[in-house]
Amino acid sequence: SSDGALLSVRDVTVRFGGVVALDHVDFQLQPGTITGLIGPNGAG
């Protein structure tokens, strides 16, 4: 991408019925990095 990111997640929202599993999630991954994705059970 023009900003150098390998992956860009932009304002992603996912709903399962009345449950919002992801709520406007944004982040980027730069090439050659290691990223941990953490959170409680059910965080998305």
PDB file of all heavy atoms in Angstrom:
ATOM      1  N   SER A   1       0.835  -1.194   0.000  1.00  0.00           N
ATOM      2  CA  SER A   1       0.000   0.000   0.000  1.00  0.00           C
ATOM      3  C   SER A   1       0.866   1.239   0.000  1.00  0.00           C
ATOM      4  O   SER A   1       2.056   1.201   0.273  1.00  0.00           O
ATOM      5  CB  SER A   1      -0.929  -0.006   1.219  1.00  0.00           C
ATOM      6  OG  SER A   1      -0.186   0.104   2.406  1.00  0.00           O
ATOM      7  N   SER A   2       0.241   2.376  -0.298  1.00  0.00           N
ATOM      8  CA  SER A   2       0.987   3.629  -0.410  1.00  0.00           C
ATOM      9  C   SER A   2       1.636   4.030   0.900  1.00  0.00           C
ATOM     10  O   SER A   2       2.639   4.741   0.907  1.00  0.00           O
ATOM     11  CB  SER A   2       0.040   4.741  -0.883  1.00  0.00           C
ATOM     12  OG  SER A   2      -1.047   4.889   0.008  1.00  0.00           O
ATOM     13  N   ASP A   3       1.081   3.563   2.051  1.00  0.00           N
ATOM     14  CA  ASP A   3       1.675   3.904   3.342  1.00  0.00           C
ATOM     15  C   ASP A   3       2.689   2.859   3.797  1.00  0.00           C
ATOM     16  O   ASP A   3       3.206   2.930   4.914  1.00  0.00           O
ATOM     17  CB  ASP A   3       0.586   4.085   4.400  1.00  0.00           C
ATOM     18  CG  ASP A   3      -0.317   2.860   4.538  1.00  0.00           C
ATOM     19  OD1 ASP A   3       0.019   1.801   3.967  1.00  0.00           O
ATOM     20  OD2 ASP A   3      -1.361   2.971   5.200  1.00  0.00           O
ATOM     21  N   GLY A   4       2.981   1.880   2.943  1.00  0.00           N
ATOM     22  CA  GLY A   4       3.998   0.881   3.259  1.00  0.00           C
ATOM     23  C   GLY A   4       3.507  -0.301   4.055  1.00  0.00           C
ATOM     24  O   GLY A   4       4.272  -1.221   4.332  1.00  0.00           O
ATOM     25  N   ALA A   5       2.225  -0.326   4.434  1.00  0.00           N
ATOM     26  CA  ALA A   5       1.687  -1.431   5.235  1.00  0.00           C
ATOM     27  C   ALA A   5       1.491  -2.671   4.374  1.00  0.00           C
ATOM     28  O   ALA A   5       1.058  -2.578   3.214  1.00  0.00           O
ATOM     29  CB  ALA A   5       0.369  -1.030   5.883  1.00  0.00           C
ATOM     30  N   LEU A   6       1.793  -3.836   4.924  1.00  0.00           N
ATOM     31  CA  LEU A   6       1.475  -5.088   4.243  1.00  0.00           C
ATOM     32  C   LEU A   6      -0.017  -5.367   4.347  1.00  0.00           C
ATOM     33  O   LEU A   6      -0.657  -5.775   3.379  1.00  0.00           O
ATOM     34  CB  LEU A   6       2.264  -6.238   4.867  1.00  0.00           C
ATOM     35  CG  LEU A   6       1.990  -7.630   4.282  1.00  0.00           C
ATOM     36  CD1 LEU A   6       2.580  -7.739   2.876  1.00  0.00           C
ATOM     37  CD2 LEU A   6       2.565  -8.715   5.194  1.00  0.00           C
ATOM     38  N   LEU A   7      -0.576  -5.138   5.538  1.00  0.00           N
ATOM     39  CA  LEU A   7      -1.998  -5.379   5.788  1.00  0.00           C
ATOM     40  C   LEU A   7      -2.608  -4.147   6.438  1.00  0.00           C
ATOM     41  O   LEU A   7      -2.051  -3.614   7.401  1.00  0.00           O
ATOM     42  CB  LEU A   7      -2.175  -6.595   6.713  1.00  0.00           C
ATOM     43  CG  LEU A   7      -3.611  -6.953   7.086  1.00  0.00           C
ATOM     44  CD1 LEU A   7      -4.306  -7.655   5.919  1.00  0.00           C
ATOM     45  CD2 LEU A   7      -3.643  -7.853   8.330  1.00  0.00           C
ATOM     46  N   SER A   8      -3.746  -3.727   5.926  1.00  0.00           N
ATOM     47  CA  SER A   8      -4.493  -2.610   6.515  1.00  0.00           C
ATOM     48  C   SER A   8      -5.918  -3.058   6.784  1.00  0.00           C
ATOM     49  O   SER A   8      -6.641  -3.446   5.862  1.00  0.00           O
ATOM     50  CB  SER A   8      -4.508  -1.393   5.577  1.00  0.00           C
ATOM     51  OG  SER A   8      -3.204  -0.888   5.366  1.00  0.00           O
ATOM     52  N   VAL A   9      -6.314  -3.030   8.059  1.00  0.00           N
ATOM     53  CA  VAL A   9      -7.690  -3.328   8.462  1.00  0.00           C
ATOM     54  C   VAL A   9      -8.346  -1.992   8.771  1.00  0.00           C
ATOM     55  O   VAL A   9      -7.888  -1.255   9.654  1.00  0.00           O
ATOM     56  CB  VAL A   9      -7.712  -4.260   9.691  1.00  0.00           C
ATOM     57  CG1 VAL A   9      -9.135  -4.470  10.189  1.00  0.00           C
ATOM     58  CG2 VAL A   9      -7.056  -5.593   9.355  1.00  0.00           C
ATOM     59  N   ARG A  10      -9.405  -1.666   8.040  1.00  0.00           N
ATOM     60  CA  ARG A  10      -9.987  -0.337   8.110  1.00  0.00           C
ATOM     61  C   ARG A  10     -11.463  -0.401   8.483  1.00  0.00           C
ATOM     62  O   ARG A  10     -12.297  -0.865   7.685  1.00  0.00           O
ATOM     63  CB  ARG A  10      -9.824   0.390   6.770  1.00  0.00           C
ATOM     64  CG  ARG A  10      -8.372   0.578   6.343  1.00  0.00           C
ATOM     65  CD  ARG A  10      -8.268   1.266   5.001  1.00  0.00           C
ATOM     66  NE  ARG A  10      -6.873   1.529   4.619  1.00  0.00           N
ATOM     67  CZ  ARG A  10      -6.485   2.037   3.444  1.00  0.00           C
ATOM     68  NH1 ARG A  10      -7.419   2.335   2.537  1.00  0.00           N
ATOM     69  NH2 ARG A  10      -5.213   2.235   3.188  1.00  0.00           N
ATOM     70  N   ASP A  11     -11.766   0.019   9.713  1.00  0.00           N
ATOM     71  CA  ASP A  11     -13.148   0.221  10.146  1.00  0.00           C
ATOM     72  C   ASP A  11     -14.000  -1.041   9.973  1.00  0.00           C
ATOM     73  O   ASP A  11     -15.160  -0.978   9.569  1.00  0.00           O
ATOM     74  CB  ASP A  11     -13.757   1.381   9.347  1.00  0.00           C
ATOM     75  CG  ASP A  11     -14.903   2.051  10.098  1.00  0.00           C
ATOM     76  OD1 ASP A  11     -14.870   2.075  11.333  1.00  0.00           O
ATOM     77  OD2 ASP A  11     -15.840   2.531   9.431  1.00  0.00           O
ATOM     78  N   VAL A  12     -13.427  -2.205  10.302  1.00  0.00           N
ATOM     79  CA  VAL A  12     -14.107  -3.485  10.075  1.00  0.00           C
ATOM     80  C   VAL A  12     -15.120  -3.761  11.184  1.00  0.00           C
ATOM     81  O   VAL A  12     -14.790  -3.731  12.373  1.00  0.00           O
ATOM     82  CB  VAL A  12     -13.089  -4.639   9.966  1.00  0.00           C
ATOM     83  CG1 VAL A  12     -13.779  -5.997  10.058  1.00  0.00           C
ATOM     84  CG2 VAL A  12     -12.323  -4.527   8.651  1.00  0.00           C
ATOM     85  N   THR A  13     -16.348  -4.057  10.770  1.00  0.00           N
ATOM     86  CA  THR A  13     -17.430  -4.385  11.688  1.00  0.00           C
ATOM     87  C   THR A  13     -18.069  -5.697  11.255  1.00  0.00           C
ATOM     88  O   THR A  13     -18.330  -5.905  10.075  1.00  0.00           O
ATOM     89  CB  THR A  13     -18.495  -3.278  11.715  1.00  0.00           C
ATOM     90  OG1 THR A  13     -17.900  -2.062  12.210  1.00  0.00           O
ATOM     91  CG2 THR A  13     -19.671  -3.645  12.606  1.00  0.00           C
ATOM     92  N   VAL A  14     -18.295  -6.592  12.228  1.00  0.00           N
ATOM     93  CA  VAL A  14     -18.964  -7.870  11.971  1.00  0.00           C
ATOM     94  C   VAL A  14     -20.064  -8.050  13.007  1.00  0.00           C
ATOM     95  O   VAL A  14     -19.813  -7.921  14.212  1.00  0.00           O
ATOM     96  CB  VAL A  14     -17.978  -9.054  12.038  1.00  0.00           C
ATOM     97  CG1 VAL A  14     -18.725 -10.385  11.885  1.00  0.00           C
ATOM     98  CG2 VAL A  14     -16.895  -8.939  10.983  1.00  0.00           C
ATOM     99  N   ARG A  15     -21.258  -8.379  12.541  1.00  0.00           N
ATOM    100  CA  ARG A  15     -22.386  -8.643  13.437  1.00  0.00           C
ATOM    101  C   ARG A  15     -22.908 -10.052  13.206  1.00  0.00           C
ATOM    102  O   ARG A  15     -23.010 -10.504  12.065  1.00  0.00           O
ATOM    103  CB  ARG A  15     -23.525  -7.641  13.190  1.00  0.00           C
ATOM    104  CG  ARG A  15     -23.163  -6.192  13.475  1.00  0.00           C
ATOM    105  CD  ARG A  15     -24.361  -5.279  13.221  1.00  0.00           C
ATOM    106  NE  ARG A  15     -24.028  -3.873  13.453  1.00  0.00           N
ATOM    107  CZ  ARG A  15     -23.507  -3.078  12.525  1.00  0.00           C
ATOM    108  NH1 ARG A  15     -23.267  -3.549  11.309  1.00  0.00           N
ATOM    109  NH2 ARG A  15     -23.225  -1.819  12.806  1.00  0.00           N
ATOM    110  N   PHE A  16     -23.224 -10.742  14.293  1.00  0.00           N
ATOM    111  CA  PHE A  16     -23.916 -12.018  14.227  1.00  0.00           C
ATOM    112  C   PHE A  16     -25.249 -11.842  14.931  1.00  0.00           C
ATOM    113  O   PHE A  16     -25.332 -11.901  16.160  1.00  0.00           O
ATOM    114  CB  PHE A  16     -23.095 -13.127  14.895  1.00  0.00           C
ATOM    115  CG  PHE A  16     -21.763 -13.374  14.238  1.00  0.00           C
ATOM    116  CD1 PHE A  16     -20.577 -13.115  14.917  1.00  0.00           C
ATOM    117  CD2 PHE A  16     -21.695 -13.856  12.938  1.00  0.00           C
ATOM    118  CE1 PHE A  16     -19.352 -13.348  14.318  1.00  0.00           C
ATOM    119  CE2 PHE A  16     -20.471 -14.094  12.322  1.00  0.00           C
ATOM    120  CZ  PHE A  16     -19.295 -13.838  13.019  1.00  0.00           C
ATOM    121  N   GLY A  17     -26.299 -11.593  14.147  1.00  0.00           N
ATOM    122  CA  GLY A  17     -27.586 -11.258  14.747  1.00  0.00           C
ATOM    123  C   GLY A  17     -27.459  -9.955  15.517  1.00  0.00           C
ATOM    124  O   GLY A  17     -27.037  -8.936  14.983  1.00  0.00           O
ATOM    125  N   GLY A  18     -27.796  -9.986  16.808  1.00  0.00           N
ATOM    126  CA  GLY A  18     -27.693  -8.778  17.612  1.00  0.00           C
ATOM    127  C   GLY A  18     -26.354  -8.597  18.285  1.00  0.00           C
ATOM    128  O   GLY A  18     -26.145  -7.627  19.030  1.00  0.00           O
ATOM    129  N   VAL A  19     -25.418  -9.523  18.044  1.00  0.00           N
ATOM    130  CA  VAL A  19     -24.097  -9.464  18.682  1.00  0.00           C
ATOM    131  C   VAL A  19     -23.108  -8.789  17.739  1.00  0.00           C
ATOM    132  O   VAL A  19     -22.958  -9.181  16.576  1.00  0.00           O
ATOM    133  CB  VAL A  19     -23.587 -10.879  19.034  1.00  0.00           C
ATOM    134  CG1 VAL A  19     -22.183 -10.811  19.620  1.00  0.00           C
ATOM    135  CG2 VAL A  19     -24.546 -11.552  20.003  1.00  0.00           C
ATOM    136  N   VAL A  20     -22.419  -7.769  18.236  1.00  0.00           N
ATOM    137  CA  VAL A  20     -21.372  -7.097  17.462  1.00  0.00           C
ATOM    138  C   VAL A  20     -20.048  -7.763  17.818  1.00  0.00           C
ATOM    139  O   VAL A  20     -19.497  -7.560  18.898  1.00  0.00           O
ATOM    140  CB  VAL A  20     -21.322  -5.587  17.778  1.00  0.00           C
ATOM    141  CG1 VAL A  20     -20.226  -4.917  16.953  1.00  0.00           C
ATOM    142  CG2 VAL A  20     -22.677  -4.950  17.489  1.00  0.00           C
ATOM    143  N   ALA A  21     -19.534  -8.593  16.911  1.00  0.00           N
ATOM    144  CA  ALA A  21     -18.300  -9.336  17.165  1.00  0.00           C
ATOM    145  C   ALA A  21     -17.066  -8.472  16.943  1.00  0.00           C
ATOM    146  O   ALA A  21     -16.065  -8.610  17.650  1.00  0.00           O
ATOM    147  CB  ALA A  21     -18.237 -10.571  16.269  1.00  0.00           C
ATOM    148  N   LEU A  22     -17.121  -7.594  15.959  1.00  0.00           N
ATOM    149  CA  LEU A  22     -16.051  -6.623  15.707  1.00  0.00           C
ATOM    150  C   LEU A  22     -16.701  -5.267  15.497  1.00  0.00           C
ATOM    151  O   LEU A  22     -17.669  -5.156  14.724  1.00  0.00           O
ATOM    152  CB  LEU A  22     -15.218  -7.009  14.483  1.00  0.00           C
ATOM    153  CG  LEU A  22     -14.372  -8.271  14.580  1.00  0.00           C
ATOM    154  CD1 LEU A  22     -13.720  -8.585  13.232  1.00  0.00           C
ATOM    155  CD2 LEU A  22     -13.310  -8.133  15.667  1.00  0.00           C
ATOM    156  N   ASP A  23     -16.158  -4.246  16.145  1.00  0.00           N
ATOM    157  CA  ASP A  23     -16.797  -2.935  16.175  1.00  0.00           C
ATOM    158  C   ASP A  23     -15.831  -1.869  15.673  1.00  0.00           C
ATOM    159  O   ASP A  23     -15.032  -1.325  16.428  1.00  0.00           O
ATOM    160  CB  ASP A  23     -17.249  -2.637  17.613  1.00  0.00           C
ATOM    161  CG  ASP A  23     -18.163  -1.432  17.709  1.00  0.00           C
ATOM    162  OD1 ASP A  23     -18.388  -0.762  16.683  1.00  0.00           O
ATOM    163  OD2 ASP A  23     -18.657  -1.172  18.820  1.00  0.00           O
ATOM    164  N   HIS A  24     -15.852  -1.627  14.350  1.00  0.00           N
ATOM    165  CA  HIS A  24     -15.039  -0.573  13.729  1.00  0.00           C
ATOM    166  C   HIS A  24     -13.546  -0.727  14.082  1.00  0.00           C
ATOM    167  O   HIS A  24     -12.919   0.202  14.601  1.00  0.00           O
ATOM    168  CB  HIS A  24     -15.550   0.805  14.137  1.00  0.00           C
ATOM    169  CG  HIS A  24     -16.986   1.041  13.760  1.00  0.00           C
ATOM    170  ND1 HIS A  24     -17.391   1.318  12.470  1.00  0.00           N
ATOM    171  CD2 HIS A  24     -18.119   0.999  14.509  1.00  0.00           C
ATOM    172  CE1 HIS A  24     -18.698   1.469  12.436  1.00  0.00           C
ATOM    173  NE2 HIS A  24     -19.171   1.264  13.660  1.00  0.00           N
ATOM    174  N   VAL A  25     -13.003  -1.895  13.797  1.00  0.00           N
ATOM    175  CA  VAL A  25     -11.610  -2.201  14.144  1.00  0.00           C
ATOM    176  C   VAL A  25     -10.664  -1.688  13.050  1.00  0.00           C
ATOM    177  O   VAL A  25     -10.888  -1.917  11.866  1.00  0.00           O
ATOM    178  CB  VAL A  25     -11.418  -3.724  14.337  1.00  0.00           C
ATOM    179  CG1 VAL A  25      -9.942  -4.070  14.533  1.00  0.00           C
ATOM    180  CG2 VAL A  25     -12.241  -4.194  15.533  1.00  0.00           C
ATOM    181  N   ASP A  26      -9.613  -0.998  13.495  1.00  0.00           N
ATOM    182  CA  ASP A  26      -8.581  -0.474  12.598  1.00  0.00           C
ATOM    183  C   ASP A  26      -7.209  -0.850  13.123  1.00  0.00           C
ATOM    184  O   ASP A  26      -6.940  -0.717  14.323  1.00  0.00           O
ATOM    185  CB  ASP A  26      -8.622   1.067  12.539  1.00  0.00           C
ATOM    186  CG  ASP A  26      -9.818   1.616  11.800  1.00  0.00           C
ATOM    187  OD1 ASP A  26      -9.751   1.728  10.568  1.00  0.00           O
ATOM    188  OD2 ASP A  26     -10.807   1.963  12.472  1.00  0.00           O
ATOM    189  N   PHE A  27      -6.321  -1.312  12.242  1.00  0.00           N
ATOM    190  CA  PHE A  27      -4.895  -1.428  12.560  1.00  0.00           C
ATOM    191  C   PHE A  27      -4.136  -1.761  11.283  1.00  0.00           C
ATOM    192  O   PHE A  27      -4.734  -2.070  10.248  1.00  0.00           O
ATOM    193  CB  PHE A  27      -4.624  -2.496  13.638  1.00  0.00           C
ATOM    194  CG  PHE A  27      -4.948  -3.906  13.221  1.00  0.00           C
ATOM    195  CD1 PHE A  27      -4.010  -4.693  12.562  1.00  0.00           C
ATOM    196  CD2 PHE A  27      -6.188  -4.457  13.515  1.00  0.00           C
ATOM    197  CE1 PHE A  27      -4.305  -5.987  12.182  1.00  0.00           C
ATOM    198  CE2 PHE A  27      -6.488  -5.745  13.141  1.00  0.00           C
ATOM    199  CZ  PHE A  27      -5.552  -6.520  12.470  1.00  0.00           C
ATOM    200  N   GLN A  28      -2.813  -1.675  11.372  1.00  0.00           N
ATOM    201  CA  GLN A  28      -1.958  -2.002  10.234  1.00  0.00           C
ATOM    202  C   GLN A  28      -0.832  -2.921  10.675  1.00  0.00           C
ATOM    203  O   GLN A  28      -0.395  -2.872  11.827  1.00  0.00           O
ATOM    204  CB  GLN A  28      -1.345  -0.736   9.624  1.00  0.00           C
ATOM    205  CG  GLN A  28      -2.334   0.183   8.927  1.00  0.00           C
ATOM    206  CD  GLN A  28      -1.630   1.341   8.236  1.00  0.00           C
ATOM    207  OE1 GLN A  28      -0.541   1.748   8.634  1.00  0.00           O
ATOM    208  NE2 GLN A  28      -2.247   1.868   7.200  1.00  0.00           N
ATOM    209  N   LEU A  29      -0.376  -3.750   9.747  1.00  0.00           N
ATOM    210  CA  LEU A  29       0.818  -4.558   9.960  1.00  0.00           C
ATOM    211  C   LEU A  29       1.874  -4.125   8.962  1.00  0.00           C
ATOM    212  O   LEU A  29       1.615  -4.094   7.755  1.00  0.00           O
ATOM    213  CB  LEU A  29       0.530  -6.054   9.762  1.00  0.00           C
ATOM    214  CG  LEU A  29      -0.554  -6.721  10.620  1.00  0.00           C
ATOM    215  CD1 LEU A  29      -0.549  -8.223  10.364  1.00  0.00           C
ATOM    216  CD2 LEU A  29      -0.358  -6.418  12.089  1.00  0.00           C
ATOM    217  N   GLN A  30       3.060  -3.809   9.464  1.00  0.00           N
ATOM    218  CA  GLN A  30       4.174  -3.454   8.590  1.00  0.00           C
ATOM    219  C   GLN A  30       4.920  -4.725   8.193  1.00  0.00           C
ATOM    220  O   GLN A  30       4.960  -5.701   8.944  1.00  0.00           O
ATOM    221  CB  GLN A  30       5.114  -2.481   9.300  1.00  0.00           C
ATOM    222  CG  GLN A  30       4.479  -1.151   9.656  1.00  0.00           C
ATOM    223  CD  GLN A  30       3.944  -0.420   8.432  1.00  0.00           C
ATOM    224  OE1 GLN A  30       4.588  -0.379   7.381  1.00  0.00           O
ATOM    225  NE2 GLN A  30       2.752   0.167   8.577  1.00  0.00           N
ATOM    226  N   PRO A  31       5.523  -4.745   7.009  1.00  0.00           N
ATOM    227  CA  PRO A  31       6.246  -5.942   6.563  1.00  0.00           C
ATOM    228  C   PRO A  31       7.360  -6.318   7.538  1.00  0.00           C
ATOM    229  O   PRO A  31       8.031  -5.446   8.099  1.00  0.00           O
ATOM    230  CB  PRO A  31       6.831  -5.519   5.205  1.00  0.00           C
ATOM    231  CG  PRO A  31       6.012  -4.351   4.777  1.00  0.00           C
ATOM    232  CD  PRO A  31       5.575  -3.655   6.020  1.00  0.00           C
ATOM    233  N   GLY A  32       7.537  -7.616   7.762  1.00  0.00           N
ATOM    234  CA  GLY A  32       8.636  -8.104   8.577  1.00  0.00           C
ATOM    235  C   GLY A  32       8.438  -7.965  10.067  1.00  0.00           C
ATOM    236  O   GLY A  32       9.395  -8.079  10.828  1.00  0.00           O
ATOM    237  N   THR A  33       7.199  -7.754  10.505  1.00  0.00           N
ATOM    238  CA  THR A  33       6.929  -7.601  11.936  1.00  0.00           C
ATOM    239  C   THR A  33       6.207  -8.839  12.474  1.00  0.00           C
ATOM    240  O   THR A  33       5.636  -9.629  11.728  1.00  0.00           O
ATOM    241  CB  THR A  33       6.066  -6.361  12.213  1.00  0.00           C
ATOM    242  OG1 THR A  33       4.861  -6.444  11.448  1.00  0.00           O
ATOM    243  CG2 THR A  33       6.813  -5.090  11.851  1.00  0.00           C
ATOM    244  N   ILE A  34       6.243  -8.983  13.794  1.00  0.00           N
ATOM    245  CA  ILE A  34       5.474 -10.002  14.494  1.00  0.00           C
ATOM    246  C   ILE A  34       4.477  -9.275  15.382  1.00  0.00           C
ATOM    247  O   ILE A  34       4.867  -8.436  16.202  1.00  0.00           O
ATOM    248  CB  ILE A  34       6.371 -10.918  15.339  1.00  0.00           C
ATOM    249  CG1 ILE A  34       7.387 -11.657  14.453  1.00  0.00           C
ATOM    250  CG2 ILE A  34       5.532 -11.917  16.135  1.00  0.00           C
ATOM    251  CD1 ILE A  34       8.409 -12.458  15.238  1.00  0.00           C
ATOM    252  N   THR A  35       3.201  -9.584  15.211  1.00  0.00           N
ATOM    253  CA  THR A  35       2.136  -8.892  15.945  1.00  0.00           C
ATOM    254  C   THR A  35       1.332  -9.900  16.752  1.00  0.00           C
ATOM    255  O   THR A  35       0.902 -10.937  16.233  1.00  0.00           O
ATOM    256  CB  THR A  35       1.193  -8.143  14.978  1.00  0.00           C
ATOM    257  OG1 THR A  35       1.952  -7.168  14.261  1.00  0.00           O
ATOM    258  CG2 THR A  35       0.067  -7.453  15.734  1.00  0.00           C
ATOM    259  N   GLY A  36       1.114  -9.602  18.027  1.00  0.00           N
ATOM    260  CA  GLY A  36       0.246 -10.411  18.873  1.00  0.00           C
ATOM    261  C   GLY A  36      -1.135  -9.801  18.930  1.00  0.00           C
ATOM    262  O   GLY A  36      -1.275  -8.586  19.090  1.00  0.00           O
ATOM    263  N   LEU A  37      -2.154 -10.629  18.766  1.00  0.00           N
ATOM    264  CA  LEU A  37      -3.547 -10.197  18.882  1.00  0.00           C
ATOM    265  C   LEU A  37      -4.123 -10.853  20.131  1.00  0.00           C
ATOM    266  O   LEU A  37      -4.239 -12.073  20.203  1.00  0.00           O
ATOM    267  CB  LEU A  37      -4.339 -10.617  17.644  1.00  0.00           C
ATOM    268  CG  LEU A  37      -5.830 -10.276  17.627  1.00  0.00           C
ATOM    269  CD1 LEU A  37      -6.043  -8.764  17.662  1.00  0.00           C
ATOM    270  CD2 LEU A  37      -6.498 -10.885  16.399  1.00  0.00           C
ATOM    271  N   ILE A  38      -4.430 -10.044  21.138  1.00  0.00           N
ATOM    272  CA  ILE A  38      -4.854 -10.589  22.422  1.00  0.00           C
ATOM    273  C   ILE A  38      -6.186  -9.981  22.850  1.00  0.00           C
ATOM    274  O   ILE A  38      -6.658  -8.992  22.282  1.00  0.00           O
ATOM    275  CB  ILE A  38      -3.803 -10.365  23.532  1.00  0.00           C
ATOM    276  CG1 ILE A  38      -3.653  -8.880  23.861  1.00  0.00           C
ATOM    277  CG2 ILE A  38      -2.456 -10.970  23.143  1.00  0.00           C
ATOM    278  CD1 ILE A  38      -2.762  -8.595  25.080  1.00  0.00           C
ATOM    279  N   GLY A  39      -6.775 -10.587  23.874  1.00  0.00           N
ATOM    280  CA  GLY A  39      -8.030 -10.123  24.433  1.00  0.00           C
ATOM    281  C   GLY A  39      -8.741 -11.266  25.128  1.00  0.00           C
ATOM    282  O   GLY A  39      -8.417 -12.434  24.905  1.00  0.00           O
ATOM    283  N   PRO A  40      -9.704 -10.962  25.980  1.00  0.00           N
ATOM    284  CA  PRO A  40     -10.444 -12.011  26.687  1.00  0.00           C
ATOM    285  C   PRO A  40     -11.204 -12.903  25.712  1.00  0.00           C
ATOM    286  O   PRO A  40     -11.390 -12.567  24.545  1.00  0.00           O
ATOM    287  CB  PRO A  40     -11.417 -11.224  27.579  1.00  0.00           C
ATOM    288  CG  PRO A  40     -10.892  -9.821  27.601  1.00  0.00           C
ATOM    289  CD  PRO A  40     -10.177  -9.611  26.312  1.00  0.00           C
ATOM    290  N   ASN A  41     -11.661 -14.057  26.193  1.00  0.00           N
ATOM    291  CA  ASN A  41     -12.524 -14.906  25.377  1.00  0.00           C
ATOM    292  C   ASN A  41     -13.742 -14.110  24.924  1.00  0.00           C
ATOM    293  O   ASN A  41     -14.345 -13.369  25.703  1.00  0.00           O
ATOM    294  CB  ASN A  41     -12.985 -16.130  26.172  1.00  0.00           C
ATOM    295  CG  ASN A  41     -11.857 -17.115  26.404  1.00  0.00           C
ATOM    296  OD1 ASN A  41     -10.940 -17.222  25.599  1.00  0.00           O
ATOM    297  ND2 ASN A  41     -11.927 -17.851  27.514  1.00  0.00           N
ATOM    298  N   GLY A  42     -14.088 -14.262  23.651  1.00  0.00           N
ATOM    299  CA  GLY A  42     -15.229 -13.536  23.112  1.00  0.00           C
ATOM    300  C   GLY A  42     -14.918 -12.121  22.678  1.00  0.00           C
ATOM    301  O   GLY A  42     -15.824 -11.366  22.319  1.00  0.00           O
ATOM    302  N   ALA A  43     -13.627 -11.757  22.658  1.00  0.00           N
ATOM    303  CA  ALA A  43     -13.248 -10.388  22.292  1.00  0.00           C
ATOM    304  C   ALA A  43     -13.350 -10.128  20.797  1.00  0.00           C
ATOM    305  O   ALA A  43     -13.363  -8.978  20.370  1.00  0.00           O
ATOM    306  CB  ALA A  43     -11.833 -10.086  22.778  1.00  0.00           C
ATOM    307  N   GLY A  44     -13.361 -11.200  19.981  1.00  0.00           N
ATOM    308  CA  GLY A  44     -13.446 -11.022  18.530  1.00  0.00           C
ATOM    309  C   GLY A  44     -12.196 -11.429  17.781  1.00  0.00           C
ATOM    310  O   GLY A  44     -12.097 -11.204  16.574  1.00  0.00           O
TER     311      GLY A  44
END
